[in-house]
Amino acid sequence: MTIESILGAIVIGAVIGAIGRLLLPGRQAIGWILTIVVGIVAALLGTLLAQVLGVATTPGIDWIELVMQVVLAMVGVGLVAGLKRGSRT
């Protein structure tokens, strides 16, 4: 892995995590670093899922893959927020 790919994963993960968090209804009591981590994991899993399902890679924006990543980020943020909320009580 090059430094560019690592920085790219962090930036894409931050964007995916932020979009997923914004689209998830309600308030999520997790920090921005955890949001980025969830976004990175969602981006990687979304890409893997798209490849397994045979979604074609295009030279432009892969909208189907992007939607998969955002949905996975929403699920991830919801799970992490729920786990964090459950550990306080």
PDB file of N, CA and C in Angstrom:
ATOM      1  N   MET A   1       0.839  -1.186   0.000  1.00  0.00           N
ATOM      2  CA  MET A   1       0.000   0.000   0.000  1.00  0.00           C
ATOM      3  C   MET A   1       0.882   1.246   0.000  1.00  0.00           C
ATOM      4  N   THR A   2       0.505   2.180  -0.813  1.00  0.00           N
ATOM      5  CA  THR A   2       1.229   3.444  -0.844  1.00  0.00           C
ATOM      6  C   THR A   2       0.554   4.440   0.080  1.00  0.00           C
ATOM      7  N   ILE A   3       1.259   5.512   0.367  1.00  0.00           N
ATOM      8  CA  ILE A   3       0.699   6.554   1.231  1.00  0.00           C
ATOM      9  C   ILE A   3      -0.523   7.200   0.584  1.00  0.00           C
ATOM     10  N   GLU A   4      -0.515   7.275  -0.760  1.00  0.00           N
ATOM     11  CA  GLU A   4      -1.663   7.847  -1.458  1.00  0.00           C
ATOM     12  C   GLU A   4      -2.903   6.979  -1.288  1.00  0.00           C
ATOM     13  N   SER A   5      -2.735   5.651  -1.349  1.00  0.00           N
ATOM     14  CA  SER A   5      -3.901   4.783  -1.194  1.00  0.00           C
ATOM     15  C   SER A   5      -4.427   4.812   0.241  1.00  0.00           C
ATOM     16  N   ILE A   6      -3.535   4.946   1.209  1.00  0.00           N
ATOM     17  CA  ILE A   6      -3.962   5.036   2.609  1.00  0.00           C
ATOM     18  C   ILE A   6      -4.714   6.340   2.843  1.00  0.00           C
ATOM     19  N   LEU A   7      -4.164   7.441   2.352  1.00  0.00           N
ATOM     20  CA  LEU A   7      -4.839   8.735   2.498  1.00  0.00           C
ATOM     21  C   LEU A   7      -6.163   8.748   1.745  1.00  0.00           C
ATOM     22  N   GLY A   8      -6.179   8.122   0.573  1.00  0.00           N
ATOM     23  CA  GLY A   8      -7.419   8.028  -0.196  1.00  0.00           C
ATOM     24  C   GLY A   8      -8.485   7.250   0.550  1.00  0.00           C
ATOM     25  N   ALA A   9      -8.087   6.145   1.198  1.00  0.00           N
ATOM     26  CA  ALA A   9      -9.042   5.349   1.972  1.00  0.00           C
ATOM     27  C   ALA A   9      -9.598   6.145   3.141  1.00  0.00           C
ATOM     28  N   ILE A  10      -8.749   6.949   3.782  1.00  0.00           N
ATOM     29  CA  ILE A  10      -9.207   7.770   4.907  1.00  0.00           C
ATOM     30  C   ILE A  10     -10.192   8.832   4.427  1.00  0.00           C
ATOM     31  N   VAL A  11      -9.872   9.487   3.315  1.00  0.00           N
ATOM     32  CA  VAL A  11     -10.758  10.537   2.791  1.00  0.00           C
ATOM     33  C   VAL A  11     -12.088   9.937   2.344  1.00  0.00           C
ATOM     34  N   ILE A  12     -12.028   8.859   1.561  1.00  0.00           N
ATOM     35  CA  ILE A  12     -13.255   8.221   1.090  1.00  0.00           C
ATOM     36  C   ILE A  12     -14.055   7.689   2.283  1.00  0.00           C
ATOM     37  N   GLY A  13     -13.367   7.092   3.251  1.00  0.00           N
ATOM     38  CA  GLY A  13     -14.044   6.591   4.441  1.00  0.00           C
ATOM     39  C   GLY A  13     -14.727   7.697   5.225  1.00  0.00           C
ATOM     40  N   ALA A  14     -14.060   8.843   5.320  1.00  0.00           N
ATOM     41  CA  ALA A  14     -14.656   9.979   6.025  1.00  0.00           C
ATOM     42  C   ALA A  14     -15.917  10.460   5.312  1.00  0.00           C
ATOM     43  N   VAL A  15     -15.861  10.529   3.999  1.00  0.00           N
ATOM     44  CA  VAL A  15     -17.022  10.990   3.228  1.00  0.00           C
ATOM     45  C   VAL A  15     -18.163   9.980   3.332  1.00  0.00           C
ATOM     46  N   ILE A  16     -17.848   8.701   3.134  1.00  0.00           N
ATOM     47  CA  ILE A  16     -18.876   7.657   3.215  1.00  0.00           C
ATOM     48  C   ILE A  16     -19.483   7.618   4.617  1.00  0.00           C
ATOM     49  N   GLY A  17     -18.636   7.684   5.648  1.00  0.00           N
ATOM     50  CA  GLY A  17     -19.129   7.671   7.023  1.00  0.00           C
ATOM     51  C   GLY A  17     -20.003   8.872   7.327  1.00  0.00           C
ATOM     52  N   ALA A  18     -19.589  10.048   6.865  1.00  0.00           N
ATOM     53  CA  ALA A  18     -20.372  11.265   7.105  1.00  0.00           C
ATOM     54  C   ALA A  18     -21.716  11.206   6.394  1.00  0.00           C
ATOM     55  N   ILE A  19     -21.732  10.731   5.157  1.00  0.00           N
ATOM     56  CA  ILE A  19     -23.000  10.613   4.424  1.00  0.00           C
ATOM     57  C   ILE A  19     -23.916   9.608   5.110  1.00  0.00           C
ATOM     58  N   GLY A  20     -23.342   8.466   5.505  1.00  0.00           N
ATOM     59  CA  GLY A  20     -24.144   7.461   6.206  1.00  0.00           C
ATOM     60  C   GLY A  20     -24.715   7.987   7.502  1.00  0.00           C
ATOM     61  N   ARG A  21     -23.909   8.753   8.227  1.00  0.00           N
ATOM     62  CA  ARG A  21     -24.366   9.319   9.497  1.00  0.00           C
ATOM     63  C   ARG A  21     -25.441  10.386   9.283  1.00  0.00           C
ATOM     64  N   LEU A  22     -25.286  11.189   8.235  1.00  0.00           N
ATOM     65  CA  LEU A  22     -26.282  12.224   7.946  1.00  0.00           C
ATOM     66  C   LEU A  22     -27.622  11.626   7.515  1.00  0.00           C
ATOM     67  N   LEU A  23     -27.575  10.524   6.775  1.00  0.00           N
ATOM     68  CA  LEU A  23     -28.813   9.915   6.287  1.00  0.00           C
ATOM     69  C   LEU A  23     -29.519   9.067   7.342  1.00  0.00           C
ATOM     70  N   LEU A  24     -28.810   8.699   8.386  1.00  0.00           N
ATOM     71  CA  LEU A  24     -29.407   7.888   9.455  1.00  0.00           C
ATOM     72  C   LEU A  24     -30.247   8.796  10.352  1.00  0.00           C
ATOM     73  N   PRO A  25     -31.532   8.486  10.516  1.00  0.00           N
ATOM     74  CA  PRO A  25     -32.371   9.358  11.351  1.00  0.00           C
ATOM     75  C   PRO A  25     -31.981   9.278  12.826  1.00  0.00           C
ATOM     76  N   GLY A  26     -32.217  10.366  13.525  1.00  0.00           N
ATOM     77  CA  GLY A  26     -31.915  10.417  14.952  1.00  0.00           C
ATOM     78  C   GLY A  26     -30.499  10.895  15.215  1.00  0.00           C
ATOM     79  N   ARG A  27     -30.177  10.947  16.475  1.00  0.00           N
ATOM     80  CA  ARG A  27     -28.852  11.416  16.892  1.00  0.00           C
ATOM     81  C   ARG A  27     -27.962  10.230  17.212  1.00  0.00           C
ATOM     82  N   GLN A  28     -26.740  10.269  16.713  1.00  0.00           N
ATOM     83  CA  GLN A  28     -25.770   9.224  16.992  1.00  0.00           C
ATOM     84  C   GLN A  28     -24.678   9.801  17.886  1.00  0.00           C
ATOM     85  N   ALA A  29     -24.498   9.206  19.038  1.00  0.00           N
ATOM     86  CA  ALA A  29     -23.525   9.718  20.007  1.00  0.00           C
ATOM     87  C   ALA A  29     -22.173   9.045  19.816  1.00  0.00           C
ATOM     88  N   ILE A  30     -21.627   9.176  18.600  1.00  0.00           N
ATOM     89  CA  ILE A  30     -20.285   8.666  18.350  1.00  0.00           C
ATOM     90  C   ILE A  30     -19.447   9.804  17.790  1.00  0.00           C
ATOM     91  N   GLY A  31     -18.166   9.734  17.981  1.00  0.00           N
ATOM     92  CA  GLY A  31     -17.268  10.793  17.538  1.00  0.00           C
ATOM     93  C   GLY A  31     -16.933  10.701  16.059  1.00  0.00           C
ATOM     94  N   TRP A  32     -16.227  11.711  15.596  1.00  0.00           N
ATOM     95  CA  TRP A  32     -15.896  11.758  14.176  1.00  0.00           C
ATOM     96  C   TRP A  32     -14.841  10.729  13.807  1.00  0.00           C
ATOM     97  N   ILE A  33     -13.950  10.377  14.716  1.00  0.00           N
ATOM     98  CA  ILE A  33     -12.936   9.359  14.400  1.00  0.00           C
ATOM     99  C   ILE A  33     -13.610   8.002  14.218  1.00  0.00           C
ATOM    100  N   LEU A  34     -14.554   7.678  15.088  1.00  0.00           N
ATOM    101  CA  LEU A  34     -15.289   6.425  14.951  1.00  0.00           C
ATOM    102  C   LEU A  34     -16.145   6.429  13.682  1.00  0.00           C
ATOM    103  N   THR A  35     -16.671   7.582  13.308  1.00  0.00           N
ATOM    104  CA  THR A  35     -17.434   7.704  12.067  1.00  0.00           C
ATOM    105  C   THR A  35     -16.539   7.420  10.867  1.00  0.00           C
ATOM    106  N   ILE A  36     -15.310   7.932  10.895  1.00  0.00           N
ATOM    107  CA  ILE A  36     -14.366   7.684   9.801  1.00  0.00           C
ATOM    108  C   ILE A  36     -14.003   6.205   9.729  1.00  0.00           C
ATOM    109  N   VAL A  37     -13.762   5.589  10.886  1.00  0.00           N
ATOM    110  CA  VAL A  37     -13.425   4.157  10.914  1.00  0.00           C
ATOM    111  C   VAL A  37     -14.577   3.335  10.343  1.00  0.00           C
ATOM    112  N   VAL A  38     -15.799   3.638  10.755  1.00  0.00           N
ATOM    113  CA  VAL A  38     -16.964   2.936  10.225  1.00  0.00           C
ATOM    114  C   VAL A  38     -17.076   3.175   8.722  1.00  0.00           C
ATOM    115  N   GLY A  39     -16.806   4.394   8.281  1.00  0.00           N
ATOM    116  CA  GLY A  39     -16.858   4.715   6.855  1.00  0.00           C
ATOM    117  C   GLY A  39     -15.820   3.956   6.048  1.00  0.00           C
ATOM    118  N   ILE A  40     -14.605   3.818   6.583  1.00  0.00           N
ATOM    119  CA  ILE A  40     -13.551   3.068   5.887  1.00  0.00           C
ATOM    120  C   ILE A  40     -13.957   1.606   5.758  1.00  0.00           C
ATOM    121  N   VAL A  41     -14.446   1.028   6.845  1.00  0.00           N
ATOM    122  CA  VAL A  41     -14.883  -0.374   6.813  1.00  0.00           C
ATOM    123  C   VAL A  41     -16.049  -0.545   5.837  1.00  0.00           C
ATOM    124  N   ALA A  42     -16.996   0.382   5.855  1.00  0.00           N
ATOM    125  CA  ALA A  42     -18.146   0.309   4.950  1.00  0.00           C
ATOM    126  C   ALA A  42     -17.704   0.447   3.500  1.00  0.00           C
ATOM    127  N   ALA A  43     -16.744   1.323   3.229  1.00  0.00           N
ATOM    128  CA  ALA A  43     -16.247   1.491   1.865  1.00  0.00           C
ATOM    129  C   ALA A  43     -15.573   0.212   1.370  1.00  0.00           C
ATOM    130  N   LEU A  44     -14.769  -0.394   2.228  1.00  0.00           N
ATOM    131  CA  LEU A  44     -14.096  -1.635   1.834  1.00  0.00           C
ATOM    132  C   LEU A  44     -15.095  -2.772   1.628  1.00  0.00           C
ATOM    133  N   LEU A  45     -16.034  -2.920   2.568  1.00  0.00           N
ATOM    134  CA  LEU A  45     -17.038  -3.973   2.438  1.00  0.00           C
ATOM    135  C   LEU A  45     -17.968  -3.734   1.246  1.00  0.00           C
ATOM    136  N   GLY A  46     -18.308  -2.477   0.998  1.00  0.00           N
ATOM    137  CA  GLY A  46     -19.156  -2.158  -0.150  1.00  0.00           C
ATOM    138  C   GLY A  46     -18.483  -2.476  -1.466  1.00  0.00           C
ATOM    139  N   THR A  47     -17.197  -2.199  -1.559  1.00  0.00           N
ATOM    140  CA  THR A  47     -16.441  -2.529  -2.762  1.00  0.00           C
ATOM    141  C   THR A  47     -16.365  -4.041  -2.943  1.00  0.00           C
ATOM    142  N   LEU A  48     -16.089  -4.754  -1.859  1.00  0.00           N
ATOM    143  CA  LEU A  48     -16.028  -6.213  -1.914  1.00  0.00           C
ATOM    144  C   LEU A  48     -17.380  -6.804  -2.313  1.00  0.00           C
ATOM    145  N   LEU A  49     -18.447  -6.300  -1.727  1.00  0.00           N
ATOM    146  CA  LEU A  49     -19.787  -6.778  -2.044  1.00  0.00           C
ATOM    147  C   LEU A  49     -20.130  -6.518  -3.510  1.00  0.00           C
ATOM    148  N   ALA A  50     -19.768  -5.354  -4.009  1.00  0.00           N
ATOM    149  CA  ALA A  50     -20.031  -5.025  -5.412  1.00  0.00           C
ATOM    150  C   ALA A  50     -19.273  -5.970  -6.342  1.00  0.00           C
ATOM    151  N   GLN A  51     -18.032  -6.312  -5.992  1.00  0.00           N
ATOM    152  CA  GLN A  51     -17.256  -7.229  -6.815  1.00  0.00           C
ATOM    153  C   GLN A  51     -17.853  -8.629  -6.780  1.00  0.00           C
ATOM    154  N   VAL A  52     -18.306  -9.069  -5.595  1.00  0.00           N
ATOM    155  CA  VAL A  52     -18.906 -10.404  -5.470  1.00  0.00           C
ATOM    156  C   VAL A  52     -20.200 -10.482  -6.279  1.00  0.00           C
ATOM    157  N   LEU A  53     -20.983  -9.404  -6.257  1.00  0.00           N
ATOM    158  CA  LEU A  53     -22.249  -9.391  -6.988  1.00  0.00           C
ATOM    159  C   LEU A  53     -22.069  -9.137  -8.476  1.00  0.00           C
ATOM    160  N   GLY A  54     -20.856  -8.840  -8.896  1.00  0.00           N
ATOM    161  CA  GLY A  54     -20.575  -8.643 -10.318  1.00  0.00           C
ATOM    162  C   GLY A  54     -20.953  -7.274 -10.855  1.00  0.00           C
ATOM    163  N   VAL A  55     -20.975  -6.274  -9.995  1.00  0.00           N
ATOM    164  CA  VAL A  55     -21.264  -4.914 -10.445  1.00  0.00           C
ATOM    165  C   VAL A  55     -20.082  -4.437 -11.284  1.00  0.00           C
ATOM    166  N   ALA A  56     -20.381  -3.989 -12.492  1.00  0.00           N
ATOM    167  CA  ALA A  56     -19.321  -3.592 -13.412  1.00  0.00           C
ATOM    168  C   ALA A  56     -18.632  -2.316 -12.938  1.00  0.00           C
ATOM    169  N   THR A  57     -17.314  -2.287 -13.085  1.00  0.00           N
ATOM    170  CA  THR A  57     -16.539  -1.094 -12.758  1.00  0.00           C
ATOM    171  C   THR A  57     -16.532  -0.186 -13.979  1.00  0.00           C
ATOM    172  N   THR A  58     -16.862   1.075 -13.769  1.00  0.00           N
ATOM    173  CA  THR A  58     -16.915   2.036 -14.868  1.00  0.00           C
ATOM    174  C   THR A  58     -15.829   3.081 -14.680  1.00  0.00           C
ATOM    175  N   PRO A  59     -15.469   3.779 -15.753  1.00  0.00           N
ATOM    176  CA  PRO A  59     -14.437   4.813 -15.606  1.00  0.00           C
ATOM    177  C   PRO A  59     -14.896   6.005 -14.773  1.00  0.00           C
ATOM    178  N   GLY A  60     -16.179   6.218 -14.657  1.00  0.00           N
ATOM    179  CA  GLY A  60     -16.706   7.333 -13.863  1.00  0.00           C
ATOM    180  C   GLY A  60     -17.018   6.890 -12.453  1.00  0.00           C
ATOM    181  N   ILE A  61     -18.069   7.443 -11.900  1.00  0.00           N
ATOM    182  CA  ILE A  61     -18.503   7.097 -10.540  1.00  0.00           C
ATOM    183  C   ILE A  61     -19.343   5.837 -10.608  1.00  0.00           C
ATOM    184  N   ASP A  62     -19.013   4.866  -9.775  1.00  0.00           N
ATOM    185  CA  ASP A  62     -19.790   3.634  -9.687  1.00  0.00           C
ATOM    186  C   ASP A  62     -20.920   3.855  -8.693  1.00  0.00           C
ATOM    187  N   TRP A  63     -22.083   4.253  -9.196  1.00  0.00           N
ATOM    188  CA  TRP A  63     -23.189   4.651  -8.338  1.00  0.00           C
ATOM    189  C   TRP A  63     -23.731   3.501  -7.514  1.00  0.00           C
ATOM    190  N   ILE A  64     -23.809   2.315  -8.103  1.00  0.00           N
ATOM    191  CA  ILE A  64     -24.340   1.166  -7.359  1.00  0.00           C
ATOM    192  C   ILE A  64     -23.411   0.833  -6.199  1.00  0.00           C
ATOM    193  N   GLU A  65     -22.118   0.830  -6.447  1.00  0.00           N
ATOM    194  CA  GLU A  65     -21.134   0.561  -5.386  1.00  0.00           C
ATOM    195  C   GLU A  65     -21.200   1.644  -4.310  1.00  0.00           C
ATOM    196  N   LEU A  66     -21.345   2.895  -4.722  1.00  0.00           N
ATOM    197  CA  LEU A  66     -21.427   3.998  -3.771  1.00  0.00           C
ATOM    198  C   LEU A  66     -22.656   3.866  -2.873  1.00  0.00           C
ATOM    199  N   VAL A  67     -23.784   3.480  -3.452  1.00  0.00           N
ATOM    200  CA  VAL A  67     -25.002   3.289  -2.657  1.00  0.00           C
ATOM    201  C   VAL A  67     -24.804   2.152  -1.658  1.00  0.00           C
ATOM    202  N   MET A  68     -24.162   1.069  -2.097  1.00  0.00           N
ATOM    203  CA  MET A  68     -23.882  -0.044  -1.183  1.00  0.00           C
ATOM    204  C   MET A  68     -23.009   0.418  -0.025  1.00  0.00           C
ATOM    205  N   GLN A  69     -22.005   1.220  -0.313  1.00  0.00           N
ATOM    206  CA  GLN A  69     -21.104   1.710   0.724  1.00  0.00           C
ATOM    207  C   GLN A  69     -21.832   2.601   1.718  1.00  0.00           C
ATOM    208  N   VAL A  70     -22.680   3.488   1.229  1.00  0.00           N
ATOM    209  CA  VAL A  70     -23.414   4.398   2.110  1.00  0.00           C
ATOM    210  C   VAL A  70     -24.404   3.626   2.982  1.00  0.00           C
ATOM    211  N   VAL A  71     -25.094   2.652   2.395  1.00  0.00           N
ATOM    212  CA  VAL A  71     -26.043   1.847   3.183  1.00  0.00           C
ATOM    213  C   VAL A  71     -25.293   1.074   4.262  1.00  0.00           C
ATOM    214  N   LEU A  72     -24.146   0.496   3.911  1.00  0.00           N
ATOM    215  CA  LEU A  72     -23.347  -0.208   4.918  1.00  0.00           C
ATOM    216  C   LEU A  72     -22.842   0.754   5.994  1.00  0.00           C
ATOM    217  N   ALA A  73     -22.516   1.982   5.619  1.00  0.00           N
ATOM    218  CA  ALA A  73     -22.089   2.982   6.610  1.00  0.00           C
ATOM    219  C   ALA A  73     -23.244   3.331   7.540  1.00  0.00           C
ATOM    220  N   MET A  74     -24.457   3.446   7.003  1.00  0.00           N
ATOM    221  CA  MET A  74     -25.618   3.725   7.841  1.00  0.00           C
ATOM    222  C   MET A  74     -25.836   2.602   8.844  1.00  0.00           C
ATOM    223  N   VAL A  75     -25.738   1.367   8.380  1.00  0.00           N
ATOM    224  CA  VAL A  75     -25.895   0.212   9.272  1.00  0.00           C
ATOM    225  C   VAL A  75     -24.794   0.215  10.320  1.00  0.00           C
ATOM    226  N   GLY A  76     -23.563   0.466   9.887  1.00  0.00           N
ATOM    227  CA  GLY A  76     -22.432   0.466  10.814  1.00  0.00           C
ATOM    228  C   GLY A  76     -22.533   1.552  11.859  1.00  0.00           C
ATOM    229  N   VAL A  77     -22.894   2.755  11.447  1.00  0.00           N
ATOM    230  CA  VAL A  77     -23.037   3.854  12.405  1.00  0.00           C
ATOM    231  C   VAL A  77     -24.160   3.540  13.388  1.00  0.00           C
ATOM    232  N   GLY A  78     -25.263   2.992  12.877  1.00  0.00           N
ATOM    233  CA  GLY A  78     -26.367   2.624  13.765  1.00  0.00           C
ATOM    234  C   GLY A  78     -25.967   1.558  14.774  1.00  0.00           C
ATOM    235  N   LEU A  79     -25.221   0.552  14.315  1.00  0.00           N
ATOM    236  CA  LEU A  79     -24.767  -0.502  15.221  1.00  0.00           C
ATOM    237  C   LEU A  79     -23.802   0.033  16.276  1.00  0.00           C
ATOM    238  N   VAL A  80     -22.839   0.831  15.842  1.00  0.00           N
ATOM    239  CA  VAL A  80     -21.854   1.364  16.782  1.00  0.00           C
ATOM    240  C   VAL A  80     -22.520   2.303  17.781  1.00  0.00           C
ATOM    241  N   ALA A  81     -23.433   3.154  17.313  1.00  0.00           N
ATOM    242  CA  ALA A  81     -24.136   4.063  18.218  1.00  0.00           C
ATOM    243  C   ALA A  81     -24.989   3.277  19.208  1.00  0.00           C
ATOM    244  N   GLY A  82     -25.631   2.213  18.731  1.00  0.00           N
ATOM    245  CA  GLY A  82     -26.441   1.380  19.620  1.00  0.00           C
ATOM    246  C   GLY A  82     -25.595   0.649  20.646  1.00  0.00           C
ATOM    247  N   LEU A  83     -24.444   0.135  20.217  1.00  0.00           N
ATOM    248  CA  LEU A  83     -23.547  -0.544  21.152  1.00  0.00           C
ATOM    249  C   LEU A  83     -22.988   0.425  22.179  1.00  0.00           C
ATOM    250  N   LYS A  84     -22.659   1.630  21.725  1.00  0.00           N
ATOM    251  CA  LYS A  84     -22.140   2.628  22.638  1.00  0.00           C
ATOM    252  C   LYS A  84     -23.196   3.065  23.646  1.00  0.00           C
ATOM    253  N   ARG A  85     -24.417   3.226  23.168  1.00  0.00           N
ATOM    254  CA  ARG A  85     -25.508   3.613  24.045  1.00  0.00           C
ATOM    255  C   ARG A  85     -25.805   2.506  25.041  1.00  0.00           C
ATOM    256  N   GLY A  86     -25.737   1.241  24.602  1.00  0.00           N
ATOM    257  CA  GLY A  86     -26.004   0.107  25.477  1.00  0.00           C
ATOM    258  C   GLY A  86     -24.940  -0.079  26.541  1.00  0.00           C
ATOM    259  N   SER A  87     -23.721   0.332  26.250  1.00  0.00           N
ATOM    260  CA  SER A  87     -22.639   0.131  27.233  1.00  0.00           C
ATOM    261  C   SER A  87     -22.688   1.175  28.348  1.00  0.00           C
ATOM    262  N   ARG A  88     -23.419   2.246  28.166  1.00  0.00           N
ATOM    263  CA  ARG A  88     -23.520   3.296  29.201  1.00  0.00           C
ATOM    264  C   ARG A  88     -24.465   2.908  30.311  1.00  0.00           C
ATOM    265  N   THR A  89     -25.448   2.054  30.007  1.00  0.00           N
ATOM    266  CA  THR A  89     -26.443   1.716  31.023  1.00  0.00           C
ATOM    267  C   THR A  89     -26.049   0.495  31.799  1.00  0.00           C
TER     268      THR A  89
END
